[in-house]
Structure formats: C-alpha cells, structure tokens
C-alpha atoms as a PDB file:
ATOM      1  CA  MET A   1       0.187  -0.058  -0.106  1.00  0.00           C
ATOM      2  CA  SER A   2       1.225   3.297  -0.982  1.00  0.00           C
ATOM      3  CA  GLY A   3       1.520   7.018  -0.098  1.00  0.00           C
ATOM      4  CA  MET A   4      -2.102   9.149   0.904  1.00  0.00           C
ATOM      5  CA  LEU A   5      -3.478  10.241  -2.550  1.00  0.00           C
ATOM      6  CA  HIS A   6      -4.153  14.371  -2.931  1.00  0.00           C
ATOM      7  CA  ALA A   7      -4.896  13.977  -6.417  1.00  0.00           C
ATOM      8  CA  PHE A   8      -8.749  13.661  -7.961  1.00  0.00           C
ATOM      9  CA  THR A   9      -8.849   9.880  -9.652  1.00  0.00           C
ATOM     10  CA  THR A  10     -10.914   7.521 -11.189  1.00  0.00           C
ATOM     11  CA  GLN A  11      -9.482   4.733 -10.220  1.00  0.00           C
ATOM     12  CA  VAL A  12     -10.483   4.099  -6.243  1.00  0.00           C
ATOM     13  CA  PRO A  13      -8.272   3.702  -3.515  1.00  0.00           C
ATOM     14  CA  GLU A  14      -7.998   2.443   0.088  1.00  0.00           C
ATOM     15  CA  TRP A  15      -9.624   4.088   2.605  1.00  0.00           C
ATOM     16  CA  ARG A  16      -6.917   4.017   6.021  1.00  0.00           C
ATOM     17  CA  PRO A  17      -8.883   5.046   8.864  1.00  0.00           C
ATOM     18  CA  ARG A  18      -7.982   7.487  11.834  1.00  0.00           C
ATOM     19  CA  VAL A  19     -10.531   6.292  14.388  1.00  0.00           C
ATOM     20  CA  LYS A  20     -10.286   2.375  15.315  1.00  0.00           C
ATOM     21  CA  PRO A  21     -13.315   0.701  13.323  1.00  0.00           C
ATOM     22  CA  ILE A  22     -14.619  -1.986  15.722  1.00  0.00           C
ATOM     23  CA  GLU A  23     -14.326  -6.268  15.178  1.00  0.00           C
ATOM     24  CA  LEU A  24     -17.064  -7.274  13.370  1.00  0.00           C
ATOM     25  CA  ALA A  25     -16.254 -10.689  15.697  1.00  0.00           C
ATOM     26  CA  LYS A  26     -16.225  -8.672  18.944  1.00  0.00           C
ATOM     27  CA  ALA A  27     -19.595  -6.641  17.921  1.00  0.00           C
ATOM     28  CA  THR A  28     -22.742  -6.543  19.889  1.00  0.00           C
ATOM     29  CA  PRO A  29     -26.031  -7.083  18.999  1.00  0.00           C
ATOM     30  CA  GLU A  30     -26.566  -3.563  18.338  1.00  0.00           C
ATOM     31  CA  GLN A  31     -24.253  -2.974  16.496  1.00  0.00           C
ATOM     32  CA  LEU A  32     -24.728  -6.025  14.021  1.00  0.00           C
ATOM     33  CA  ASP A  33     -28.278  -4.886  14.037  1.00  0.00           C
ATOM     34  CA  ALA A  34     -27.567  -1.398  12.848  1.00  0.00           C
ATOM     35  CA  LEU A  35     -24.519  -3.104  10.326  1.00  0.00           C
ATOM     36  CA  GLN A  36     -27.784  -5.264   8.703  1.00  0.00           C
ATOM     37  CA  VAL A  37     -28.406  -2.201   6.301  1.00  0.00           C
ATOM     38  CA  THR A  38     -24.623  -0.774   4.521  1.00  0.00           C
ATOM     39  CA  PRO A  39     -24.525   1.964   1.904  1.00  0.00           C
ATOM     40  CA  SER A  40     -25.838   0.444  -1.387  1.00  0.00           C
ATOM     41  CA  ASN A  41     -26.194  -2.764   0.674  1.00  0.00           C
ATOM     42  CA  THR A  42     -22.944  -4.444  -0.202  1.00  0.00           C
ATOM     43  CA  LYS A  43     -19.805  -4.949   1.763  1.00  0.00           C
ATOM     44  CA  VAL A  44     -18.761  -4.110   5.136  1.00  0.00           C
ATOM     45  CA  SER A  45     -16.188  -2.206   4.992  1.00  0.00           C
ATOM     46  CA  ASP A  46     -13.548  -0.549   7.242  1.00  0.00           C
ATOM     47  CA  TYR A  47     -15.745   3.019   7.309  1.00  0.00           C
ATOM     48  CA  VAL A  48     -18.561   1.533   7.865  1.00  0.00           C
ATOM     49  CA  LEU A  49     -17.078  -0.462  10.689  1.00  0.00           C
ATOM     50  CA  VAL A  50     -15.622   2.731  12.120  1.00  0.00           C
ATOM     51  CA  LEU A  51     -19.333   4.117  11.687  1.00  0.00           C
ATOM     52  CA  ALA A  52     -20.748   1.362  13.733  1.00  0.00           C
ATOM     53  CA  ASN A  53     -18.846   2.872  16.811  1.00  0.00           C
ATOM     54  CA  ASP A  54     -21.688   4.916  17.221  1.00  0.00           C
ATOM     55  CA  VAL A  55     -24.678   2.930  16.823  1.00  0.00           C
ATOM     56  CA  GLU A  56     -27.498   4.955  16.357  1.00  0.00           C
ATOM     57  CA  THR A  57     -26.189   7.764  13.762  1.00  0.00           C
ATOM     58  CA  LEU A  58     -25.303   4.833  11.520  1.00  0.00           C
ATOM     59  CA  LYS A  59     -28.948   2.856  12.088  1.00  0.00           C
ATOM     60  CA  ALA A  60     -30.360   6.544  10.640  1.00  0.00           C
ATOM     61  CA  ARG A  61     -27.624   6.675   8.320  1.00  0.00           C
ATOM     62  CA  SER A  62     -26.680   3.877   6.437  1.00  0.00           C
ATOM     63  CA  PRO A  63     -30.869   3.933   5.118  1.00  0.00           C
ATOM     64  CA  LEU A  64     -31.001   7.897   4.231  1.00  0.00           C
ATOM     65  CA  PHE A  65     -27.891   7.275   2.330  1.00  0.00           C
ATOM     66  CA  ASN A  66     -29.136   4.420   0.142  1.00  0.00           C
ATOM     67  CA  ALA A  67     -32.710   6.581   0.021  1.00  0.00           C
ATOM     68  CA  ILE A  68     -30.955   9.377  -1.409  1.00  0.00           C
ATOM     69  CA  MET A  69     -28.246   7.690  -3.393  1.00  0.00           C
ATOM     70  CA  TYR A  70     -30.817   4.685  -4.737  1.00  0.00           C
ATOM     71  CA  GLY A  71     -34.111   5.721  -4.586  1.00  0.00           C
ATOM     72  CA  ARG A  72     -36.787   4.825  -7.125  1.00  0.00           C
ATOM     73  CA  GLY A  73     -38.220   7.383  -9.572  1.00  0.00           C
ATOM     74  CA  GLY A  74     -36.846  11.131 -10.111  1.00  0.00           C
ATOM     75  CA  LEU A  75     -32.859  11.465 -11.370  1.00  0.00           C
ATOM     76  CA  SER A  76     -31.126   8.967 -12.610  1.00  0.00           C
ATOM     77  CA  ARG A  77     -28.551   6.963 -10.711  1.00  0.00           C
ATOM     78  CA  ALA A  78     -25.572   8.770 -12.874  1.00  0.00           C
ATOM     79  CA  GLU A  79     -26.913  12.257 -12.567  1.00  0.00           C
ATOM     80  CA  ARG A  80     -27.197  11.917  -8.564  1.00  0.00           C
ATOM     81  CA  GLU A  81     -23.182  10.517  -9.097  1.00  0.00           C
ATOM     82  CA  LEU A  82     -22.370  12.953 -11.102  1.00  0.00           C
ATOM     83  CA  GLY A  83     -23.791  15.355  -8.209  1.00  0.00           C
ATOM     84  CA  ALA A  84     -22.139  13.804  -5.502  1.00  0.00           C
ATOM     85  CA  VAL A  85     -18.766  13.679  -7.470  1.00  0.00           C
ATOM     86  CA  GLY A  86     -19.238  17.952  -7.616  1.00  0.00           C
ATOM     87  CA  ALA A  87     -19.685  18.472  -4.073  1.00  0.00           C
ATOM     88  CA  SER A  88     -16.675  15.926  -3.929  1.00  0.00           C
ATOM     89  CA  ILE A  89     -14.359  18.210  -5.765  1.00  0.00           C
ATOM     90  CA  VAL A  90     -15.315  21.219  -4.002  1.00  0.00           C
ATOM     91  CA  ASN A  91     -14.463  19.431  -0.204  1.00  0.00           C
ATOM     92  CA  ARG A  92     -11.448  18.248  -1.656  1.00  0.00           C
ATOM     93  CA  CYS A  93     -12.459  14.170  -0.711  1.00  0.00           C
ATOM     94  CA  ILE A  94     -10.131  12.700  -2.808  1.00  0.00           C
ATOM     95  CA  TYR A  95     -12.008   8.802  -1.859  1.00  0.00           C
ATOM     96  CA  CYS A  96     -15.395  10.009  -2.362  1.00  0.00           C
ATOM     97  CA  ALA A  97     -14.434  11.986  -5.675  1.00  0.00           C
ATOM     98  CA  ALA A  98     -13.071   8.602  -6.958  1.00  0.00           C
ATOM     99  CA  VAL A  99     -15.724   6.036  -6.182  1.00  0.00           C
ATOM    100  CA  HIS A 100     -18.796   8.003  -7.110  1.00  0.00           C
ATOM    101  CA  ALA A 101     -16.487   9.454 -10.319  1.00  0.00           C
ATOM    102  CA  SER A 102     -15.914   5.312 -11.275  1.00  0.00           C
ATOM    103  CA  ARG A 103     -19.894   4.727 -10.386  1.00  0.00           C
ATOM    104  CA  PHE A 104     -20.895   7.405 -12.820  1.00  0.00           C
ATOM    105  CA  ASN A 105     -17.954   6.133 -15.846  1.00  0.00           C
ATOM    106  CA  GLN A 106     -19.515   2.742 -14.609  1.00  0.00           C
ATOM    107  CA  LEU A 107     -23.486   3.702 -15.699  1.00  0.00           C
ATOM    108  CA  THR A 108     -23.010   5.889 -18.415  1.00  0.00           C
ATOM    109  CA  LYS A 109     -19.955   3.928 -19.910  1.00  0.00           C
ATOM    110  CA  ASP A 110     -18.494   6.822 -20.697  1.00  0.00           C
ATOM    111  CA  GLU A 111     -15.448   8.478 -19.261  1.00  0.00           C
ATOM    112  CA  THR A 112     -14.983  12.360 -21.230  1.00  0.00           C
ATOM    113  CA  VAL A 113     -17.416  13.287 -18.681  1.00  0.00           C
ATOM    114  CA  ILE A 114     -15.395  12.822 -15.807  1.00  0.00           C
ATOM    115  CA  ALA A 115     -11.882  13.075 -17.681  1.00  0.00           C
ATOM    116  CA  LYS A 116     -13.203  16.706 -18.390  1.00  0.00           C
ATOM    117  CA  ILE A 117     -14.504  17.886 -14.658  1.00  0.00           C
ATOM    118  CA  PHE A 118     -11.157  16.152 -13.287  1.00  0.00           C
ATOM    119  CA  ALA A 119      -9.213  18.170 -16.147  1.00  0.00           C
ATOM    120  CA  ASP A 120     -10.807  21.349 -16.090  1.00  0.00           C
ATOM    121  CA  GLY A 121     -13.731  21.874 -12.900  1.00  0.00           C
ATOM    122  CA  GLU A 122     -17.240  24.141 -12.974  1.00  0.00           C
ATOM    123  CA  GLN A 123     -15.550  25.196 -16.558  1.00  0.00           C
ATOM    124  CA  ALA A 124     -15.381  21.591 -18.223  1.00  0.00           C
ATOM    125  CA  ASP A 125     -17.062  21.713 -21.770  1.00  0.00           C
ATOM    126  CA  LEU A 126     -20.095  19.217 -21.018  1.00  0.00           C
ATOM    127  CA  GLU A 127     -23.870  19.190 -22.537  1.00  0.00           C
ATOM    128  CA  GLU A 128     -26.001  21.325 -21.403  1.00  0.00           C
ATOM    129  CA  ARG A 129     -27.841  19.256 -18.699  1.00  0.00           C
ATOM    130  CA  GLN A 130     -24.629  18.017 -17.138  1.00  0.00           C
ATOM    131  CA  ALA A 131     -23.267  21.127 -16.988  1.00  0.00           C
ATOM    132  CA  ALA A 132     -26.260  22.515 -15.441  1.00  0.00           C
ATOM    133  CA  ILE A 133     -26.291  19.636 -12.681  1.00  0.00           C
ATOM    134  CA  LEU A 134     -22.771  19.618 -12.419  1.00  0.00           C
ATOM    135  CA  ASN A 135     -22.556  23.568 -11.645  1.00  0.00           C
ATOM    136  CA  PHE A 136     -25.198  23.464  -9.167  1.00  0.00           C
ATOM    137  CA  ALA A 137     -23.719  21.391  -7.300  1.00  0.00           C
ATOM    138  CA  ILE A 138     -20.490  22.952  -6.861  1.00  0.00           C
ATOM    139  CA  ARG A 139     -22.068  26.358  -6.348  1.00  0.00           C
ATOM    140  CA  LEU A 140     -24.322  24.659  -3.628  1.00  0.00           C
ATOM    141  CA  SER A 141     -21.378  22.805  -2.067  1.00  0.00           C
ATOM    142  CA  ARG A 142     -19.232  26.080  -1.914  1.00  0.00           C
ATOM    143  CA  ALA A 143     -21.569  27.444  -0.231  1.00  0.00           C
ATOM    144  CA  PRO A 144     -25.759  27.290  -0.100  1.00  0.00           C
ATOM    145  CA  SER A 145     -26.403  30.866  -0.560  1.00  0.00           C
ATOM    146  CA  GLU A 146     -24.824  30.720  -4.320  1.00  0.00           C
ATOM    147  CA  ALA A 147     -27.156  28.675  -5.478  1.00  0.00           C
ATOM    148  CA  GLY A 148     -30.322  30.994  -6.292  1.00  0.00           C
ATOM    149  CA  PRO A 149     -33.024  31.146  -8.256  1.00  0.00           C
ATOM    150  CA  GLU A 150     -31.026  31.823 -11.526  1.00  0.00           C
ATOM    151  CA  ASP A 151     -29.215  28.258 -10.902  1.00  0.00           C
ATOM    152  CA  MET A 152     -32.406  26.494 -10.235  1.00  0.00           C
ATOM    153  CA  GLN A 153     -33.968  27.611 -13.450  1.00  0.00           C
ATOM    154  CA  ARG A 154     -31.273  26.948 -15.499  1.00  0.00           C
ATOM    155  CA  LEU A 155     -31.357  23.363 -14.163  1.00  0.00           C
ATOM    156  CA  ARG A 156     -34.802  23.952 -15.885  1.00  0.00           C
ATOM    157  CA  ASP A 157     -33.655  24.915 -19.145  1.00  0.00           C
ATOM    158  CA  ALA A 158     -31.583  22.041 -18.926  1.00  0.00           C
ATOM    159  CA  GLY A 159     -34.745  19.651 -18.312  1.00  0.00           C
ATOM    160  CA  LEU A 160     -35.117  19.066 -14.891  1.00  0.00           C
ATOM    161  CA  SER A 161     -37.994  18.618 -12.815  1.00  0.00           C
ATOM    162  CA  ASP A 162     -38.522  19.557  -9.777  1.00  0.00           C
ATOM    163  CA  GLU A 163     -38.678  16.169  -8.627  1.00  0.00           C
ATOM    164  CA  GLU A 164     -34.988  15.998 -10.212  1.00  0.00           C
ATOM    165  CA  ILE A 165     -34.298  18.793  -8.636  1.00  0.00           C
ATOM    166  CA  LEU A 166     -34.646  18.031  -5.623  1.00  0.00           C
ATOM    167  CA  ASP A 167     -33.088  14.776  -6.204  1.00  0.00           C
ATOM    168  CA  LEU A 168     -29.757  16.555  -7.410  1.00  0.00           C
ATOM    169  CA  ILE A 169     -29.833  18.998  -4.139  1.00  0.00           C
ATOM    170  CA  LEU A 170     -30.456  16.061  -1.635  1.00  0.00           C
ATOM    171  CA  SER A 171     -27.298  13.680  -3.105  1.00  0.00           C
ATOM    172  CA  ALA A 172     -25.312  16.937  -2.972  1.00  0.00           C
ATOM    173  CA  SER A 173     -26.269  18.010   0.694  1.00  0.00           C
ATOM    174  CA  LEU A 174     -25.441  14.200   1.380  1.00  0.00           C
ATOM    175  CA  PHE A 175     -22.026  14.907   0.371  1.00  0.00           C
ATOM    176  CA  GLY A 176     -21.497  18.069   2.052  1.00  0.00           C
ATOM    177  CA  TRP A 177     -21.433  15.672   5.374  1.00  0.00           C
ATOM    178  CA  ALA A 178     -20.348  12.106   4.173  1.00  0.00           C
ATOM    179  CA  ASN A 179     -17.582  14.104   2.233  1.00  0.00           C
ATOM    180  CA  ARG A 180     -16.402  15.653   6.215  1.00  0.00           C
ATOM    181  CA  LEU A 181     -17.141  11.790   7.431  1.00  0.00           C
ATOM    182  CA  MET A 182     -14.572  10.287   4.606  1.00  0.00           C
ATOM    183  CA  HIS A 183     -12.058  12.853   4.948  1.00  0.00           C
ATOM    184  CA  THR A 184     -11.649  13.652   8.304  1.00  0.00           C
ATOM    185  CA  LEU A 185     -12.500   9.796   9.900  1.00  0.00           C
ATOM    186  CA  GLY A 186      -9.809   8.658   7.566  1.00  0.00           C
ATOM    187  CA  ASP A 187      -7.147   8.885   4.061  1.00  0.00           C
ATOM    188  CA  PRO A 188      -7.158   8.099   0.763  1.00  0.00           C
ATOM    189  CA  VAL A 189      -3.954   5.759   0.447  1.00  0.00           C
ATOM    190  CA  ALA A 190      -3.160   4.339  -3.156  1.00  0.00           C
ATOM    191  CA  ARG A 191      -4.213  -0.005  -3.693  1.00  0.00           C
ATOM    192  CA  ASP A 192      -2.018  -2.160  -5.274  1.00  0.00           C
ATOM    193  CA  ARG A 193      -5.114  -3.500  -7.416  1.00  0.00           C
ATOM    194  CA  PRO A 194      -7.836  -1.798  -8.665  1.00  0.00           C
ATOM    195  CA  ASP A 195     -11.258  -2.002  -6.784  1.00  0.00           C
ATOM    196  CA  SER A 196     -14.791  -0.977  -7.671  1.00  0.00           C
ATOM    197  CA  GLY A 197     -14.735   0.797  -3.477  1.00  0.00           C
ATOM    198  CA  ASP A 198     -18.544  -0.191  -2.810  1.00  0.00           C
ATOM    199  CA  GLY A 199     -19.556  -0.898   0.763  1.00  0.00           C
ATOM    200  CA  ARG A 200     -18.749   2.867   2.243  1.00  0.00           C
END
C-alpha cells in the first residue's frame, strides 16, 4: 500500500481509518443490527465499521444514504453520482470523488465526462444538462447561498423537473456531510490493485 493520495482519480483508492473500526467478531447485538444495512447494500467496509462505534447514528445514516442515492424515480443514478462528484471536488474528498466518478463512468459507459471535470472543473465543456447539474452541485457545496434562483432556472432550462432538482439537492447536500466524515475519519491511499470501492 502506497502513501496518501492528493489528486483526483477514477481509480478507487484504499481508505485508511484514523479512528479504530469495531471488530466484527466482537460486535454487540446493537452494532450487528445497525450493520444489517450498508451503503449500497454491499460489503461491510472499514468505514462502516468506524461508523459502527456510534450505533444510533449508523442506523439512521445508511438507510438515508441509500434512499437518497438509490431511490426509485426522479434523477437518474448517474446524475445523482454527478452531483456527488461536484460536492466531493469542492470538499477535496479524493476518496468520495473517486468512488462516485467511477460509478458515473460505469453507469454511463463513458469516461470522457469525468475526465473533462477532473481536468477543467466547473469550466468543463459538458452537454447542457450535465453542466447545469455539476455547476449547481459545486455552487451549493461552496455555500448554499451561491445556489440561487438563476441556478435553479438553469436546471429547469436544461430539462430537469422539480422532482429531479430535489434529488440533486439531496445528493449534493448529503455529500456535504459524507465528505466531511470520509475526509476526516481516514485517508485515501493508493492500492496495489484496482477495486470497485463499494461498501462505504
């Protein structure tokens, strides 16, 4: 395992916790119950095991995360991931940006959008709808007061319904919290072999 990463990447890094994860073999019944639901309902990661130190928070957090990122209807999965990427760039969360950029690429089967975003940020040359989503997520993440009525209108002009706009606000806002947890509870480090990064 190499050193800590500082540059955005679509290769999902390893995550090295700063707070000790619970030991699954020694978990309490309450901790095991909270671990029944994991982010994206995949593996139990070190990150989730760190959060299991606070059972009540984890029990609320994972279902909320899944409802916002994987709920049916409204904004597409890929576009929710794009909102998460915008927030993660502003918050400089290398791990979250990698996970959600990778998921966007997988869902769209197109790596050019994320490549442009990582190269040019808010100025990336994207199609109208993607640019409106990314820019709204970035402005909201810098400061909620920056995402004003004209930004909302830009989303509508790009074809987003009110339901889709709410989903975008939920996903970008969720990552205002998720980035802060991931970024301060541990560090992104290069892994020897690529990984999907599920299980956050």
